[in-house]
């Protein structure tokens, strides 16, 4: 679930899009999990962590994450 109380406004729509794509990729077995980074003040950072289907971690910016998930679903989903 996305916490919006300290979410930078520019990230809100991007994180919602990533959440939808991530759910689709996860339900199709394309990834094992994903999540975003927060600093000590619970402010969302411009980074995302994805565990691929092989258990490898990918560390990407938010825009890279969206593009990666879109491509993954398009080509493998």
N, C-alpha and C. Protein backbone atom coordinates (compact mmCIF):
# COMPACT_ATOMS: atom_id res chain seq x y z
N UNK A 1 0.85 -1.18 0.00
CA UNK A 1 0.00 0.00 0.00
C UNK A 1 0.89 1.24 0.00
N UNK A 2 0.51 2.23 -0.74
CA UNK A 2 1.28 3.47 -0.85
C UNK A 2 0.88 4.42 0.27
N UNK A 3 1.87 4.88 1.04
CA UNK A 3 1.62 5.85 2.10
C UNK A 3 1.72 7.24 1.49
N UNK A 4 0.65 8.01 1.58
CA UNK A 4 0.64 9.31 0.93
C UNK A 4 0.87 10.47 1.91
N UNK A 5 0.99 10.19 3.20
CA UNK A 5 1.10 11.29 4.15
C UNK A 5 2.37 12.11 3.97
N UNK A 6 3.46 11.49 3.56
CA UNK A 6 4.72 12.22 3.34
C UNK A 6 5.24 11.99 1.94
N UNK A 7 4.37 11.67 1.03
CA UNK A 7 4.75 11.36 -0.34
C UNK A 7 4.97 12.65 -1.12
N UNK A 8 6.11 12.74 -1.81
CA UNK A 8 6.35 13.90 -2.65
C UNK A 8 5.29 13.91 -3.74
N UNK A 9 4.62 15.04 -3.97
CA UNK A 9 3.50 15.09 -4.92
C UNK A 9 3.83 14.59 -6.32
N UNK A 10 5.04 14.86 -6.80
CA UNK A 10 5.39 14.45 -8.15
C UNK A 10 5.50 12.93 -8.29
N UNK A 11 5.61 12.23 -7.17
CA UNK A 11 5.75 10.79 -7.22
C UNK A 11 4.41 10.04 -7.15
N UNK A 12 3.36 10.70 -6.69
CA UNK A 12 2.11 10.00 -6.42
C UNK A 12 1.56 9.25 -7.63
N UNK A 13 1.38 9.92 -8.76
CA UNK A 13 0.81 9.24 -9.94
C UNK A 13 1.76 8.19 -10.49
N UNK A 14 3.05 8.46 -10.43
CA UNK A 14 4.04 7.50 -10.92
C UNK A 14 4.03 6.24 -10.06
N UNK A 15 3.94 6.40 -8.74
CA UNK A 15 3.90 5.24 -7.85
C UNK A 15 2.62 4.44 -8.02
N UNK A 16 1.51 5.11 -8.27
CA UNK A 16 0.26 4.39 -8.52
C UNK A 16 0.35 3.58 -9.80
N UNK A 17 0.95 4.15 -10.83
CA UNK A 17 1.15 3.43 -12.09
C UNK A 17 2.07 2.22 -11.88
N UNK A 18 3.16 2.42 -11.14
CA UNK A 18 4.09 1.33 -10.86
C UNK A 18 3.39 0.24 -10.05
N UNK A 19 2.55 0.62 -9.10
CA UNK A 19 1.84 -0.37 -8.30
C UNK A 19 0.94 -1.25 -9.17
N UNK A 20 0.24 -0.64 -10.11
CA UNK A 20 -0.62 -1.40 -11.02
C UNK A 20 0.20 -2.33 -11.90
N UNK A 21 1.27 -1.81 -12.47
CA UNK A 21 2.13 -2.63 -13.32
C UNK A 21 2.80 -3.74 -12.50
N UNK A 22 3.23 -3.40 -11.30
CA UNK A 22 3.86 -4.39 -10.43
C UNK A 22 2.91 -5.52 -10.06
N UNK A 23 1.67 -5.18 -9.76
CA UNK A 23 0.67 -6.21 -9.44
C UNK A 23 0.46 -7.14 -10.63
N UNK A 24 0.41 -6.56 -11.81
CA UNK A 24 0.22 -7.38 -13.02
C UNK A 24 1.42 -8.28 -13.26
N UNK A 25 2.63 -7.72 -13.13
CA UNK A 25 3.84 -8.51 -13.34
C UNK A 25 3.95 -9.61 -12.29
N UNK A 26 3.61 -9.30 -11.05
CA UNK A 26 3.68 -10.28 -9.97
C UNK A 26 2.66 -11.41 -10.20
N UNK A 27 1.45 -11.04 -10.55
CA UNK A 27 0.41 -12.06 -10.75
C UNK A 27 0.71 -12.97 -11.95
N UNK A 28 1.50 -12.48 -12.90
CA UNK A 28 1.90 -13.29 -14.04
C UNK A 28 3.22 -14.03 -13.81
N UNK A 29 3.77 -13.94 -12.61
CA UNK A 29 5.00 -14.64 -12.28
C UNK A 29 6.25 -14.04 -12.89
N UNK A 30 6.17 -12.79 -13.33
CA UNK A 30 7.32 -12.15 -13.97
C UNK A 30 8.30 -11.56 -12.96
N UNK A 31 7.82 -11.23 -11.76
CA UNK A 31 8.67 -10.73 -10.68
C UNK A 31 8.24 -11.41 -9.38
N UNK A 32 9.12 -11.38 -8.38
CA UNK A 32 8.80 -11.96 -7.08
C UNK A 32 8.39 -10.91 -6.07
N UNK A 33 8.72 -9.65 -6.32
CA UNK A 33 8.36 -8.58 -5.40
C UNK A 33 8.95 -7.25 -5.82
N UNK A 34 8.46 -6.18 -5.20
CA UNK A 34 8.97 -4.85 -5.48
C UNK A 34 8.61 -3.90 -4.35
N UNK A 35 9.34 -2.79 -4.23
CA UNK A 35 9.07 -1.78 -3.22
C UNK A 35 9.91 -0.55 -3.46
N UNK A 36 9.53 0.55 -2.85
CA UNK A 36 10.25 1.80 -3.03
C UNK A 36 11.05 2.14 -1.79
N UNK A 37 12.01 3.05 -1.95
CA UNK A 37 12.85 3.46 -0.83
C UNK A 37 12.29 4.68 -0.14
N UNK A 38 12.52 4.75 1.18
CA UNK A 38 12.12 5.91 1.97
C UNK A 38 13.31 6.35 2.80
N UNK A 39 13.39 7.66 3.05
CA UNK A 39 14.45 8.15 3.91
C UNK A 39 14.01 8.06 5.37
N UNK A 40 14.82 8.58 6.27
CA UNK A 40 14.53 8.52 7.70
C UNK A 40 13.26 9.25 8.12
N UNK A 41 12.80 10.16 7.28
CA UNK A 41 11.57 10.91 7.55
C UNK A 41 10.36 10.32 6.84
N UNK A 42 10.49 9.09 6.35
CA UNK A 42 9.42 8.40 5.60
C UNK A 42 9.03 9.13 4.33
N UNK A 43 9.97 9.86 3.74
CA UNK A 43 9.73 10.53 2.47
C UNK A 43 10.19 9.61 1.35
N UNK A 44 9.32 9.38 0.38
CA UNK A 44 9.65 8.47 -0.72
C UNK A 44 10.81 9.01 -1.53
N UNK A 45 11.78 8.15 -1.79
CA UNK A 45 12.95 8.51 -2.58
C UNK A 45 12.72 8.12 -4.03
N UNK A 46 13.54 8.66 -4.91
CA UNK A 46 13.44 8.33 -6.33
C UNK A 46 14.20 7.05 -6.60
N UNK A 47 13.76 5.95 -5.99
CA UNK A 47 14.38 4.66 -6.23
C UNK A 47 13.36 3.56 -5.97
N UNK A 48 13.54 2.47 -6.65
CA UNK A 48 12.66 1.32 -6.51
C UNK A 48 13.49 0.06 -6.57
N UNK A 49 13.06 -0.95 -5.85
CA UNK A 49 13.75 -2.23 -5.81
C UNK A 49 12.79 -3.29 -6.35
N UNK A 50 13.27 -4.08 -7.30
CA UNK A 50 12.48 -5.17 -7.88
C UNK A 50 13.26 -6.46 -7.71
N UNK A 51 12.57 -7.52 -7.28
CA UNK A 51 13.17 -8.85 -7.27
C UNK A 51 12.61 -9.57 -8.48
N UNK A 52 13.50 -9.90 -9.43
CA UNK A 52 13.03 -10.55 -10.65
C UNK A 52 12.67 -12.01 -10.38
N UNK A 53 12.19 -12.70 -11.38
CA UNK A 53 11.72 -14.08 -11.23
C UNK A 53 12.84 -15.04 -10.84
N UNK A 54 14.09 -14.64 -11.02
CA UNK A 54 15.23 -15.48 -10.64
C UNK A 54 15.76 -15.16 -9.25
N UNK A 55 15.15 -14.18 -8.57
CA UNK A 55 15.58 -13.79 -7.24
C UNK A 55 16.65 -12.73 -7.21
N UNK A 56 16.97 -12.15 -8.35
CA UNK A 56 17.96 -11.06 -8.43
C UNK A 56 17.29 -9.73 -8.14
N UNK A 57 18.01 -8.84 -7.44
CA UNK A 57 17.49 -7.52 -7.14
C UNK A 57 17.92 -6.51 -8.20
N UNK A 58 17.00 -5.66 -8.60
CA UNK A 58 17.27 -4.55 -9.51
C UNK A 58 16.96 -3.27 -8.74
N UNK A 59 17.84 -2.29 -8.84
CA UNK A 59 17.64 -1.00 -8.20
C UNK A 59 17.54 0.05 -9.29
N UNK A 60 16.36 0.65 -9.41
CA UNK A 60 16.07 1.56 -10.51
C UNK A 60 15.42 2.84 -9.99
N UNK A 61 15.51 3.91 -10.79
CA UNK A 61 14.74 5.10 -10.47
C UNK A 61 13.27 4.80 -10.73
N UNK A 62 12.40 5.67 -10.28
CA UNK A 62 10.97 5.43 -10.47
C UNK A 62 10.59 5.35 -11.94
N UNK A 63 11.11 6.26 -12.75
CA UNK A 63 10.76 6.24 -14.18
C UNK A 63 11.35 5.00 -14.86
N UNK A 64 12.56 4.59 -14.46
CA UNK A 64 13.14 3.36 -15.02
C UNK A 64 12.31 2.14 -14.62
N UNK A 65 11.80 2.15 -13.40
CA UNK A 65 10.97 1.05 -12.92
C UNK A 65 9.71 0.92 -13.75
N UNK A 66 9.04 2.05 -13.97
CA UNK A 66 7.83 2.02 -14.80
C UNK A 66 8.14 1.48 -16.19
N UNK A 67 9.19 1.96 -16.81
CA UNK A 67 9.56 1.50 -18.15
C UNK A 67 9.92 0.01 -18.15
N UNK A 68 10.67 -0.42 -17.14
CA UNK A 68 11.07 -1.83 -17.04
C UNK A 68 9.83 -2.72 -16.94
N UNK A 69 8.91 -2.36 -16.05
CA UNK A 69 7.71 -3.18 -15.87
C UNK A 69 6.83 -3.19 -17.12
N UNK A 70 6.69 -2.05 -17.77
CA UNK A 70 5.92 -1.99 -19.01
C UNK A 70 6.53 -2.92 -20.07
N UNK A 71 7.84 -2.83 -20.23
CA UNK A 71 8.52 -3.69 -21.21
C UNK A 71 8.41 -5.15 -20.86
N UNK A 72 8.59 -5.47 -19.57
CA UNK A 72 8.52 -6.85 -19.11
C UNK A 72 7.15 -7.46 -19.40
N UNK A 73 6.11 -6.72 -19.10
CA UNK A 73 4.74 -7.20 -19.32
C UNK A 73 4.46 -7.33 -20.82
N UNK A 74 4.91 -6.35 -21.58
CA UNK A 74 4.67 -6.37 -23.02
C UNK A 74 5.36 -7.55 -23.70
N UNK A 75 6.61 -7.81 -23.34
CA UNK A 75 7.39 -8.83 -24.04
C UNK A 75 7.24 -10.23 -23.45
N UNK A 76 7.04 -10.32 -22.14
CA UNK A 76 6.99 -11.64 -21.51
C UNK A 76 5.61 -12.00 -20.97
N UNK A 77 4.77 -11.01 -20.78
CA UNK A 77 3.45 -11.26 -20.19
C UNK A 77 2.51 -11.65 -21.23
